[in-house]
Amino acid sequence: MNTAIIFNNYGMGSAPEELRLILVENYLKILLTENKLPNFILFYADGVKLVAEGSPVISILKEIENKGVKLIVCKTCLNYFNLIEKVKTGNIGTMMDIFEIQWNIEKAITI
């Protein structure tokens, strides 16, 4: 199934940041170990911080990307947070890229 996972938060849920990051790390590891990989992972709003310098999940995201998953990161959001030069994985895209992917997938999972 043509699927996209959407990260619009720095981590998972609305818990304290430390817990959100533990949860997202666990989730991404499960994606890898269970081999349940989406076609795309989209990052926008605070979610772009997950692909930037200092994120605890960079290595896991790189592994996922190496398995063929396309990571698309919102350029507008990166500029807003002054992170454009700190991206460590993924492809910088526009809102049009994100829009097109969302309209052409069969399933979207928002984290």
PDB file of N, CA and C in Angstrom:
ATOM      1  N   MET A   1       0.847  -1.182   0.000  1.00  0.00           N
ATOM      2  CA  MET A   1       0.000   0.000   0.000  1.00  0.00           C
ATOM      3  C   MET A   1       0.890   1.242   0.000  1.00  0.00           C
ATOM      4  N   ASN A   2       0.561   2.182  -0.835  1.00  0.00           N
ATOM      5  CA  ASN A   2       1.289   3.439  -0.949  1.00  0.00           C
ATOM      6  C   ASN A   2       0.981   4.293   0.287  1.00  0.00           C
ATOM      7  N   THR A   3       1.954   4.411   1.201  1.00  0.00           N
ATOM      8  CA  THR A   3       1.724   5.010   2.514  1.00  0.00           C
ATOM      9  C   THR A   3       2.725   6.122   2.809  1.00  0.00           C
ATOM     10  N   ALA A   4       2.264   7.125   3.560  1.00  0.00           N
ATOM     11  CA  ALA A   4       3.143   8.173   4.079  1.00  0.00           C
ATOM     12  C   ALA A   4       2.917   8.315   5.575  1.00  0.00           C
ATOM     13  N   ILE A   5       4.009   8.476   6.288  1.00  0.00           N
ATOM     14  CA  ILE A   5       3.948   8.817   7.708  1.00  0.00           C
ATOM     15  C   ILE A   5       4.281  10.303   7.805  1.00  0.00           C
ATOM     16  N   ILE A   6       3.509  11.017   8.593  1.00  0.00           N
ATOM     17  CA  ILE A   6       3.660  12.469   8.708  1.00  0.00           C
ATOM     18  C   ILE A   6       4.063  12.818  10.139  1.00  0.00           C
ATOM     19  N   PHE A   7       5.192  13.509  10.247  1.00  0.00           N
ATOM     20  CA  PHE A   7       5.639  14.028  11.537  1.00  0.00           C
ATOM     21  C   PHE A   7       5.490  15.536  11.517  1.00  0.00           C
ATOM     22  N   ASN A   8       4.610  16.045  12.379  1.00  0.00           N
ATOM     23  CA  ASN A   8       4.460  17.494  12.501  1.00  0.00           C
ATOM     24  C   ASN A   8       4.756  17.974  13.919  1.00  0.00           C
ATOM     25  N   ASN A   9       5.325  17.073  14.723  1.00  0.00           N
ATOM     26  CA  ASN A   9       5.767  17.398  16.079  1.00  0.00           C
ATOM     27  C   ASN A   9       7.198  16.922  16.268  1.00  0.00           C
ATOM     28  N   TYR A  10       7.880  17.486  17.226  1.00  0.00           N
ATOM     29  CA  TYR A  10       9.220  17.026  17.579  1.00  0.00           C
ATOM     30  C   TYR A  10       9.064  15.860  18.546  1.00  0.00           C
ATOM     31  N   GLY A  11       8.838  14.681  17.973  1.00  0.00           N
ATOM     32  CA  GLY A  11       8.574  13.487  18.760  1.00  0.00           C
ATOM     33  C   GLY A  11       7.140  13.040  18.554  1.00  0.00           C
ATOM     34  N   MET A  12       6.668  12.211  19.488  1.00  0.00           N
ATOM     35  CA  MET A  12       5.306  11.675  19.387  1.00  0.00           C
ATOM     36  C   MET A  12       4.453  12.152  20.555  1.00  0.00           C
ATOM     37  N   GLY A  13       3.245  12.541  20.234  1.00  0.00           N
ATOM     38  CA  GLY A  13       2.289  12.917  21.269  1.00  0.00           C
ATOM     39  C   GLY A  13       2.505  14.312  21.817  1.00  0.00           C
ATOM     40  N   SER A  14       1.854  14.562  22.962  1.00  0.00           N
ATOM     41  CA  SER A  14       1.943  15.885  23.588  1.00  0.00           C
ATOM     42  C   SER A  14       2.515  15.775  24.995  1.00  0.00           C
ATOM     43  N   ALA A  15       3.337  14.758  25.201  1.00  0.00           N
ATOM     44  CA  ALA A  15       3.998  14.543  26.488  1.00  0.00           C
ATOM     45  C   ALA A  15       5.199  15.474  26.606  1.00  0.00           C
ATOM     46  N   PRO A  16       5.903  15.426  27.734  1.00  0.00           N
ATOM     47  CA  PRO A  16       7.150  16.189  27.836  1.00  0.00           C
ATOM     48  C   PRO A  16       8.125  15.764  26.730  1.00  0.00           C
ATOM     49  N   GLU A  17       8.988  16.681  26.320  1.00  0.00           N
ATOM     50  CA  GLU A  17       9.877  16.445  25.180  1.00  0.00           C
ATOM     51  C   GLU A  17      10.687  15.153  25.306  1.00  0.00           C
ATOM     52  N   GLU A  18      11.231  14.882  26.465  1.00  0.00           N
ATOM     53  CA  GLU A  18      12.045  13.673  26.650  1.00  0.00           C
ATOM     54  C   GLU A  18      11.242  12.417  26.312  1.00  0.00           C
ATOM     55  N   LEU A  19      10.008  12.340  26.779  1.00  0.00           N
ATOM     56  CA  LEU A  19       9.159  11.184  26.491  1.00  0.00           C
ATOM     57  C   LEU A  19       8.775  11.140  25.017  1.00  0.00           C
ATOM     58  N   ARG A  20       8.454  12.291  24.429  1.00  0.00           N
ATOM     59  CA  ARG A  20       8.110  12.337  22.999  1.00  0.00           C
ATOM     60  C   ARG A  20       9.235  11.764  22.153  1.00  0.00           C
ATOM     61  N   LEU A  21      10.477  12.082  22.521  1.00  0.00           N
ATOM     62  CA  LEU A  21      11.627  11.608  21.748  1.00  0.00           C
ATOM     63  C   LEU A  21      11.892  10.126  21.972  1.00  0.00           C
ATOM     64  N   ILE A  22      11.663   9.642  23.176  1.00  0.00           N
ATOM     65  CA  ILE A  22      11.780   8.202  23.438  1.00  0.00           C
ATOM     66  C   ILE A  22      10.757   7.444  22.599  1.00  0.00           C
ATOM     67  N   LEU A  23       9.536   7.945  22.571  1.00  0.00           N
ATOM     68  CA  LEU A  23       8.472   7.291  21.813  1.00  0.00           C
ATOM     69  C   LEU A  23       8.765   7.256  20.319  1.00  0.00           C
ATOM     70  N   VAL A  24       9.235   8.373  19.766  1.00  0.00           N
ATOM     71  CA  VAL A  24       9.505   8.408  18.329  1.00  0.00           C
ATOM     72  C   VAL A  24      10.672   7.484  17.985  1.00  0.00           C
ATOM     73  N   GLU A  25      11.667   7.421  18.838  1.00  0.00           N
ATOM     74  CA  GLU A  25      12.786   6.512  18.597  1.00  0.00           C
ATOM     75  C   GLU A  25      12.299   5.061  18.586  1.00  0.00           C
ATOM     76  N   ASN A  26      11.480   4.707  19.555  1.00  0.00           N
ATOM     77  CA  ASN A  26      10.927   3.348  19.610  1.00  0.00           C
ATOM     78  C   ASN A  26      10.089   3.043  18.364  1.00  0.00           C
ATOM     79  N   TYR A  27       9.273   3.973  17.964  1.00  0.00           N
ATOM     80  CA  TYR A  27       8.411   3.792  16.791  1.00  0.00           C
ATOM     81  C   TYR A  27       9.246   3.558  15.535  1.00  0.00           C
ATOM     82  N   LEU A  28      10.260   4.379  15.332  1.00  0.00           N
ATOM     83  CA  LEU A  28      11.094   4.252  14.137  1.00  0.00           C
ATOM     84  C   LEU A  28      11.870   2.933  14.136  1.00  0.00           C
ATOM     85  N   LYS A  29      12.327   2.504  15.312  1.00  0.00           N
ATOM     86  CA  LYS A  29      13.025   1.217  15.402  1.00  0.00           C
ATOM     87  C   LYS A  29      12.084   0.064  15.044  1.00  0.00           C
ATOM     88  N   ILE A  30      10.847   0.160  15.471  1.00  0.00           N
ATOM     89  CA  ILE A  30       9.861  -0.879  15.138  1.00  0.00           C
ATOM     90  C   ILE A  30       9.609  -0.918  13.634  1.00  0.00           C
ATOM     91  N   LEU A  31       9.528   0.249  13.006  1.00  0.00           N
ATOM     92  CA  LEU A  31       9.380   0.276  11.538  1.00  0.00           C
ATOM     93  C   LEU A  31      10.473  -0.548  10.876  1.00  0.00           C
ATOM     94  N   LEU A  32      11.699  -0.375  11.343  1.00  0.00           N
ATOM     95  CA  LEU A  32      12.834  -1.101  10.768  1.00  0.00           C
ATOM     96  C   LEU A  32      12.793  -2.594  11.081  1.00  0.00           C
ATOM     97  N   THR A  33      12.609  -2.933  12.348  1.00  0.00           N
ATOM     98  CA  THR A  33      12.677  -4.347  12.735  1.00  0.00           C
ATOM     99  C   THR A  33      11.508  -5.152  12.185  1.00  0.00           C
ATOM    100  N   GLU A  34      10.348  -4.538  12.066  1.00  0.00           N
ATOM    101  CA  GLU A  34       9.182  -5.227  11.526  1.00  0.00           C
ATOM    102  C   GLU A  34       9.100  -5.115  10.005  1.00  0.00           C
ATOM    103  N   ASN A  35      10.038  -4.354   9.427  1.00  0.00           N
ATOM    104  CA  ASN A  35      10.072  -4.133   7.983  1.00  0.00           C
ATOM    105  C   ASN A  35       8.716  -3.638   7.451  1.00  0.00           C
ATOM    106  N   LYS A  36       8.128  -2.714   8.168  1.00  0.00           N
ATOM    107  CA  LYS A  36       6.849  -2.101   7.793  1.00  0.00           C
ATOM    108  C   LYS A  36       7.131  -0.663   7.378  1.00  0.00           C
ATOM    109  N   LEU A  37       7.839  -0.525   6.282  1.00  0.00           N
ATOM    110  CA  LEU A  37       8.296   0.797   5.865  1.00  0.00           C
ATOM    111  C   LEU A  37       7.299   1.459   4.922  1.00  0.00           C
ATOM    112  N   PRO A  38       7.051   2.744   5.151  1.00  0.00           N
ATOM    113  CA  PRO A  38       6.176   3.493   4.242  1.00  0.00           C
ATOM    114  C   PRO A  38       6.943   3.877   2.983  1.00  0.00           C
ATOM    115  N   ASN A  39       6.265   4.417   2.030  1.00  0.00           N
ATOM    116  CA  ASN A  39       6.925   4.947   0.836  1.00  0.00           C
ATOM    117  C   ASN A  39       7.577   6.297   1.132  1.00  0.00           C
ATOM    118  N   PHE A  40       6.920   7.069   2.001  1.00  0.00           N
ATOM    119  CA  PHE A  40       7.367   8.422   2.313  1.00  0.00           C
ATOM    120  C   PHE A  40       7.262   8.673   3.810  1.00  0.00           C
ATOM    121  N   ILE A  41       8.158   9.527   4.306  1.00  0.00           N
ATOM    122  CA  ILE A  41       7.970  10.144   5.614  1.00  0.00           C
ATOM    123  C   ILE A  41       8.075  11.641   5.366  1.00  0.00           C
ATOM    124  N   LEU A  42       7.038  12.352   5.775  1.00  0.00           N
ATOM    125  CA  LEU A  42       6.943  13.799   5.562  1.00  0.00           C
ATOM    126  C   LEU A  42       7.162  14.511   6.892  1.00  0.00           C
ATOM    127  N   PHE A  43       7.940  15.587   6.849  1.00  0.00           N
ATOM    128  CA  PHE A  43       8.242  16.368   8.046  1.00  0.00           C
ATOM    129  C   PHE A  43       7.864  17.816   7.799  1.00  0.00           C
ATOM    130  N   TYR A  44       7.017  18.363   8.665  1.00  0.00           N
ATOM    131  CA  TYR A  44       6.727  19.792   8.610  1.00  0.00           C
ATOM    132  C   TYR A  44       6.419  20.300  10.001  1.00  0.00           C
ATOM    133  N   ALA A  45       6.263  21.611  10.145  1.00  0.00           N
ATOM    134  CA  ALA A  45       6.114  22.274  11.452  1.00  0.00           C
ATOM    135  C   ALA A  45       7.282  21.818  12.352  1.00  0.00           C
ATOM    136  N   ASP A  46       7.037  21.532  13.625  1.00  0.00           N
ATOM    137  CA  ASP A  46       8.109  21.113  14.536  1.00  0.00           C
ATOM    138  C   ASP A  46       8.730  19.772  14.144  1.00  0.00           C
ATOM    139  N   GLY A  47       8.065  19.016  13.298  1.00  0.00           N
ATOM    140  CA  GLY A  47       8.597  17.731  12.857  1.00  0.00           C
ATOM    141  C   GLY A  47       9.925  17.837  12.135  1.00  0.00           C
ATOM    142  N   VAL A  48      10.202  18.991  11.519  1.00  0.00           N
ATOM    143  CA  VAL A  48      11.471  19.148  10.800  1.00  0.00           C
ATOM    144  C   VAL A  48      12.671  19.053  11.740  1.00  0.00           C
ATOM    145  N   LYS A  49      12.463  19.304  13.005  1.00  0.00           N
ATOM    146  CA  LYS A  49      13.562  19.220  13.972  1.00  0.00           C
ATOM    147  C   LYS A  49      14.097  17.796  14.114  1.00  0.00           C
ATOM    148  N   LEU A  50      13.299  16.811  13.710  1.00  0.00           N
ATOM    149  CA  LEU A  50      13.727  15.409  13.794  1.00  0.00           C
ATOM    150  C   LEU A  50      14.844  15.069  12.809  1.00  0.00           C
ATOM    151  N   VAL A  51      14.982  15.825  11.733  1.00  0.00           N
ATOM    152  CA  VAL A  51      16.013  15.546  10.728  1.00  0.00           C
ATOM    153  C   VAL A  51      17.204  16.491  10.839  1.00  0.00           C
ATOM    154  N   ALA A  52      17.192  17.356  11.834  1.00  0.00           N
ATOM    155  CA  ALA A  52      18.229  18.381  11.968  1.00  0.00           C
ATOM    156  C   ALA A  52      19.256  17.997  13.032  1.00  0.00           C
ATOM    157  N   GLU A  53      20.403  18.623  12.911  1.00  0.00           N
ATOM    158  CA  GLU A  53      21.496  18.434  13.866  1.00  0.00           C
ATOM    159  C   GLU A  53      20.964  18.467  15.299  1.00  0.00           C
ATOM    160  N   GLY A  54      21.388  17.505  16.099  1.00  0.00           N
ATOM    161  CA  GLY A  54      20.962  17.437  17.489  1.00  0.00           C
ATOM    162  C   GLY A  54      19.807  16.480  17.730  1.00  0.00           C
ATOM    163  N   SER A  55      19.138  16.048  16.680  1.00  0.00           N
ATOM    164  CA  SER A  55      18.025  15.104  16.836  1.00  0.00           C
ATOM    165  C   SER A  55      18.566  13.733  17.226  1.00  0.00           C
ATOM    166  N   PRO A  56      17.925  13.072  18.196  1.00  0.00           N
ATOM    167  CA  PRO A  56      18.393  11.749  18.617  1.00  0.00           C
ATOM    168  C   PRO A  56      18.019  10.619  17.653  1.00  0.00           C
ATOM    169  N   VAL A  57      17.271  10.928  16.602  1.00  0.00           N
ATOM    170  CA  VAL A  57      16.823   9.860  15.693  1.00  0.00           C
ATOM    171  C   VAL A  57      17.440   9.951  14.294  1.00  0.00           C
ATOM    172  N   ILE A  58      18.471  10.750  14.129  1.00  0.00           N
ATOM    173  CA  ILE A  58      19.106  10.916  12.811  1.00  0.00           C
ATOM    174  C   ILE A  58      19.576   9.575  12.260  1.00  0.00           C
ATOM    175  N   SER A  59      20.281   8.787  13.058  1.00  0.00           N
ATOM    176  CA  SER A  59      20.840   7.531  12.544  1.00  0.00           C
ATOM    177  C   SER A  59      19.737   6.561  12.126  1.00  0.00           C
ATOM    178  N   ILE A  60      18.664   6.515  12.872  1.00  0.00           N
ATOM    179  CA  ILE A  60      17.546   5.623  12.519  1.00  0.00           C
ATOM    180  C   ILE A  60      16.890   6.103  11.229  1.00  0.00           C
ATOM    181  N   LEU A  61      16.698   7.410  11.116  1.00  0.00           N
ATOM    182  CA  LEU A  61      16.101   7.955   9.894  1.00  0.00           C
ATOM    183  C   LEU A  61      16.991   7.686   8.675  1.00  0.00           C
ATOM    184  N   LYS A  62      18.301   7.770   8.851  1.00  0.00           N
ATOM    185  CA  LYS A  62      19.216   7.459   7.749  1.00  0.00           C
ATOM    186  C   LYS A  62      19.089   5.991   7.335  1.00  0.00           C
ATOM    187  N   GLU A  63      18.958   5.100   8.304  1.00  0.00           N
ATOM    188  CA  GLU A  63      18.756   3.672   8.000  1.00  0.00           C
ATOM    189  C   GLU A  63      17.469   3.470   7.199  1.00  0.00           C
ATOM    190  N   ILE A  64      16.422   4.132   7.632  1.00  0.00           N
ATOM    191  CA  ILE A  64      15.130   4.040   6.941  1.00  0.00           C
ATOM    192  C   ILE A  64      15.266   4.573   5.523  1.00  0.00           C
ATOM    193  N   GLU A  65      15.932   5.700   5.376  1.00  0.00           N
ATOM    194  CA  GLU A  65      16.136   6.288   4.052  1.00  0.00           C
ATOM    195  C   GLU A  65      16.960   5.356   3.163  1.00  0.00           C
ATOM    196  N   ASN A  66      17.966   4.710   3.731  1.00  0.00           N
ATOM    197  CA  ASN A  66      18.795   3.767   2.972  1.00  0.00           C
ATOM    198  C   ASN A  66      18.012   2.546   2.496  1.00  0.00           C
ATOM    199  N   LYS A  67      16.886   2.282   3.117  1.00  0.00           N
ATOM    200  CA  LYS A  67      16.019   1.170   2.702  1.00  0.00           C
ATOM    201  C   LYS A  67      15.043   1.592   1.606  1.00  0.00           C
ATOM    202  N   GLY A  68      15.155   2.837   1.134  1.00  0.00           N
ATOM    203  CA  GLY A  68      14.339   3.290   0.019  1.00  0.00           C
ATOM    204  C   GLY A  68      13.177   4.198   0.346  1.00  0.00           C
ATOM    205  N   VAL A  69      12.995   4.524   1.617  1.00  0.00           N
ATOM    206  CA  VAL A  69      11.912   5.430   2.006  1.00  0.00           C
ATOM    207  C   VAL A  69      12.350   6.860   1.688  1.00  0.00           C
ATOM    208  N   LYS A  70      11.472   7.608   1.051  1.00  0.00           N
ATOM    209  CA  LYS A  70      11.768   9.004   0.723  1.00  0.00           C
ATOM    210  C   LYS A  70      11.362   9.892   1.896  1.00  0.00           C
ATOM    211  N   LEU A  71      12.350  10.628   2.423  1.00  0.00           N
ATOM    212  CA  LEU A  71      12.096  11.573   3.508  1.00  0.00           C
ATOM    213  C   LEU A  71      12.022  12.967   2.904  1.00  0.00           C
ATOM    214  N   ILE A  72      10.865  13.617   3.057  1.00  0.00           N
ATOM    215  CA  ILE A  72      10.649  14.943   2.489  1.00  0.00           C
ATOM    216  C   ILE A  72      10.468  15.937   3.640  1.00  0.00           C
ATOM    217  N   VAL A  73      11.285  16.992   3.624  1.00  0.00           N
ATOM    218  CA  VAL A  73      11.325  17.950   4.725  1.00  0.00           C
ATOM    219  C   VAL A  73      10.918  19.330   4.202  1.00  0.00           C
ATOM    220  N   CYS A  74       9.995  19.951   4.886  1.00  0.00           N
ATOM    221  CA  CYS A  74       9.447  21.253   4.481  1.00  0.00           C
ATOM    222  C   CYS A  74      10.487  22.365   4.564  1.00  0.00           C
ATOM    223  N   LYS A  75      10.782  22.947   3.418  1.00  0.00           N
ATOM    224  CA  LYS A  75      11.766  24.033   3.337  1.00  0.00           C
ATOM    225  C   LYS A  75      11.306  25.275   4.099  1.00  0.00           C
ATOM    226  N   THR A  76      10.041  25.623   3.985  1.00  0.00           N
ATOM    227  CA  THR A  76       9.514  26.800   4.692  1.00  0.00           C
ATOM    228  C   THR A  76       9.710  26.647   6.196  1.00  0.00           C
ATOM    229  N   CYS A  77       9.442  25.454   6.704  1.00  0.00           N
ATOM    230  CA  CYS A  77       9.579  25.191   8.144  1.00  0.00           C
ATOM    231  C   CYS A  77      11.042  25.241   8.568  1.00  0.00           C
ATOM    232  N   LEU A  78      11.920  24.654   7.755  1.00  0.00           N
ATOM    233  CA  LEU A  78      13.353  24.709   8.053  1.00  0.00           C
ATOM    234  C   LEU A  78      13.836  26.154   8.107  1.00  0.00           C
ATOM    235  N   ASN A  79      13.406  26.956   7.152  1.00  0.00           N
ATOM    236  CA  ASN A  79      13.786  28.375   7.157  1.00  0.00           C
ATOM    237  C   ASN A  79      13.250  29.084   8.395  1.00  0.00           C
ATOM    238  N   TYR A  80      12.017  28.794   8.755  1.00  0.00           N
ATOM    239  CA  TYR A  80      11.398  29.423   9.917  1.00  0.00           C
ATOM    240  C   TYR A  80      12.206  29.158  11.188  1.00  0.00           C
ATOM    241  N   PHE A  81      12.673  27.918  11.346  1.00  0.00           N
ATOM    242  CA  PHE A  81      13.440  27.537  12.539  1.00  0.00           C
ATOM    243  C   PHE A  81      14.956  27.727  12.367  1.00  0.00           C
ATOM    244  N   ASN A  82      15.378  28.325  11.244  1.00  0.00           N
ATOM    245  CA  ASN A  82      16.803  28.512  10.956  1.00  0.00           C
ATOM    246  C   ASN A  82      17.570  27.194  10.994  1.00  0.00           C
ATOM    247  N   LEU A  83      16.993  26.162  10.376  1.00  0.00           N
ATOM    248  CA  LEU A  83      17.601  24.827  10.376  1.00  0.00           C
ATOM    249  C   LEU A  83      18.048  24.358   8.994  1.00  0.00           C
ATOM    250  N   ILE A  84      17.903  25.184   7.987  1.00  0.00           N
ATOM    251  CA  ILE A  84      18.176  24.753   6.615  1.00  0.00           C
ATOM    252  C   ILE A  84      19.605  24.216   6.465  1.00  0.00           C
ATOM    253  N   GLU A  85      20.554  24.793   7.172  1.00  0.00           N
ATOM    254  CA  GLU A  85      21.954  24.362   7.086  1.00  0.00           C
ATOM    255  C   GLU A  85      22.261  23.199   8.029  1.00  0.00           C
ATOM    256  N   LYS A  86      21.299  22.794   8.844  1.00  0.00           N
ATOM    257  CA  LYS A  86      21.536  21.767   9.853  1.00  0.00           C
ATOM    258  C   LYS A  86      20.846  20.443   9.534  1.00  0.00           C
ATOM    259  N   VAL A  87      20.271  20.326   8.353  1.00  0.00           N
ATOM    260  CA  VAL A  87      19.589  19.090   7.955  1.00  0.00           C
ATOM    261  C   VAL A  87      20.621  17.980   7.784  1.00  0.00           C
ATOM    262  N   LYS A  88      20.385  16.846   8.410  1.00  0.00           N
ATOM    263  CA  LYS A  88      21.328  15.727   8.380  1.00  0.00           C
ATOM    264  C   LYS A  88      20.846  14.548   7.549  1.00  0.00           C
ATOM    265  N   THR A  89      19.581  14.516   7.206  1.00  0.00           N
ATOM    266  CA  THR A  89      19.043  13.438   6.381  1.00  0.00           C
ATOM    267  C   THR A  89      17.766  13.924   5.714  1.00  0.00           C
ATOM    268  N   GLY A  90      17.375  13.232   4.657  1.00  0.00           N
ATOM    269  CA  GLY A  90      16.147  13.596   3.951  1.00  0.00           C
ATOM    270  C   GLY A  90      16.391  14.576   2.822  1.00  0.00           C
ATOM    271  N   ASN A  91      15.333  14.850   2.102  1.00  0.00           N
ATOM    272  CA  ASN A  91      15.351  15.780   0.976  1.00  0.00           C
ATOM    273  C   ASN A  91      14.503  16.988   1.308  1.00  0.00           C
ATOM    274  N   ILE A  92      15.057  18.156   1.096  1.00  0.00           N
ATOM    275  CA  ILE A  92      14.306  19.382   1.342  1.00  0.00           C
ATOM    276  C   ILE A  92      13.314  19.554   0.196  1.00  0.00           C
ATOM    277  N   GLY A  93      12.057  19.729   0.575  1.00  0.00           N
ATOM    278  CA  GLY A  93      11.004  19.888  -0.416  1.00  0.00           C
ATOM    279  C   GLY A  93      10.126  21.077  -0.106  1.00  0.00           C
ATOM    280  N   THR A  94       9.199  21.319  -0.994  1.00  0.00           N
ATOM    281  CA  THR A  94       8.272  22.431  -0.825  1.00  0.00           C
ATOM    282  C   THR A  94       6.918  21.905  -0.333  1.00  0.00           C
ATOM    283  N   MET A  95       6.060  22.825   0.004  1.00  0.00           N
ATOM    284  CA  MET A  95       4.710  22.423   0.390  1.00  0.00           C
ATOM    285  C   MET A  95       4.003  21.767  -0.791  1.00  0.00           C
ATOM    286  N   MET A  96       4.337  22.162  -2.011  1.00  0.00           N
ATOM    287  CA  MET A  96       3.752  21.512  -3.181  1.00  0.00           C
ATOM    288  C   MET A  96       4.163  20.040  -3.239  1.00  0.00           C
ATOM    289  N   ASP A  97       5.402  19.730  -2.896  1.00  0.00           N
ATOM    290  CA  ASP A  97       5.851  18.328  -2.854  1.00  0.00           C
ATOM    291  C   ASP A  97       5.032  17.540  -1.833  1.00  0.00           C
ATOM    292  N   ILE A  98       4.871  18.113  -0.652  1.00  0.00           N
ATOM    293  CA  ILE A  98       4.105  17.451   0.406  1.00  0.00           C
ATOM    294  C   ILE A  98       2.651  17.294  -0.021  1.00  0.00           C
ATOM    295  N   PHE A  99       2.089  18.332  -0.586  1.00  0.00           N
ATOM    296  CA  PHE A  99       0.707  18.294  -1.076  1.00  0.00           C
ATOM    297  C   PHE A  99       0.515  17.172  -2.095  1.00  0.00           C
ATOM    298  N   GLU A 100       1.403  17.106  -3.087  1.00  0.00           N
ATOM    299  CA  GLU A 100       1.289  16.079  -4.139  1.00  0.00           C
ATOM    300  C   GLU A 100       1.382  14.674  -3.564  1.00  0.00           C
ATOM    301  N   ILE A 101       2.298  14.464  -2.634  1.00  0.00           N
ATOM    302  CA  ILE A 101       2.434  13.143  -2.017  1.00  0.00           C
ATOM    303  C   ILE A 101       1.161  12.790  -1.265  1.00  0.00           C
ATOM    304  N   GLN A 102       0.651  13.726  -0.479  1.00  0.00           N
ATOM    305  CA  GLN A 102      -0.554  13.446   0.306  1.00  0.00           C
ATOM    306  C   GLN A 102      -1.753  13.120  -0.582  1.00  0.00           C
ATOM    307  N   TRP A 103      -1.844  13.725  -1.752  1.00  0.00           N
ATOM    308  CA  TRP A 103      -2.971  13.463  -2.640  1.00  0.00           C
ATOM    309  C   TRP A 103      -2.798  12.191  -3.456  1.00  0.00           C
ATOM    310  N   ASN A 104      -1.576  11.659  -3.507  1.00  0.00           N
ATOM    311  CA  ASN A 104      -1.328  10.483  -4.336  1.00  0.00           C
ATOM    312  C   ASN A 104      -1.065   9.207  -3.549  1.00  0.00           C
ATOM    313  N   ILE A 105      -1.128   9.278  -2.227  1.00  0.00           N
ATOM    314  CA  ILE A 105      -0.948   8.075  -1.424  1.00  0.00           C
ATOM    315  C   ILE A 105      -2.303   7.462  -1.110  1.00  0.00           C
ATOM    316  N   GLU A 106      -2.267   6.217  -0.700  1.00  0.00           N
ATOM    317  CA  GLU A 106      -3.499   5.542  -0.304  1.00  0.00           C
ATOM    318  C   GLU A 106      -3.764   5.683   1.199  1.00  0.00           C
ATOM    319  N   LYS A 107      -2.693   5.843   1.968  1.00  0.00           N
ATOM    320  CA  LYS A 107      -2.845   5.884   3.422  1.00  0.00           C
ATOM    321  C   LYS A 107      -1.866   6.889   4.014  1.00  0.00           C
ATOM    322  N   ALA A 108      -2.368   7.739   4.906  1.00  0.00           N
ATOM    323  CA  ALA A 108      -1.525   8.697   5.635  1.00  0.00           C
ATOM    324  C   ALA A 108      -1.631   8.408   7.120  1.00  0.00           C
ATOM    325  N   ILE A 109      -0.482   8.350   7.784  1.00  0.00           N
ATOM    326  CA  ILE A 109      -0.426   8.137   9.216  1.00  0.00           C
ATOM    327  C   ILE A 109       0.234   9.363   9.832  1.00  0.00           C
ATOM    328  N   THR A 110      -0.507  10.118  10.609  1.00  0.00           N
ATOM    329  CA  THR A 110       0.045  11.309  11.244  1.00  0.00           C
ATOM    330  C   THR A 110       0.469  10.954  12.655  1.00  0.00           C
ATOM    331  N   ILE A 111       1.726  11.256  12.943  1.00  0.00           N
ATOM    332  CA  ILE A 111       2.296  10.937  14.261  1.00  0.00           C
ATOM    333  C   ILE A 111       2.314  12.199  15.100  1.00  0.00           C
TER     334      ILE A 111
END
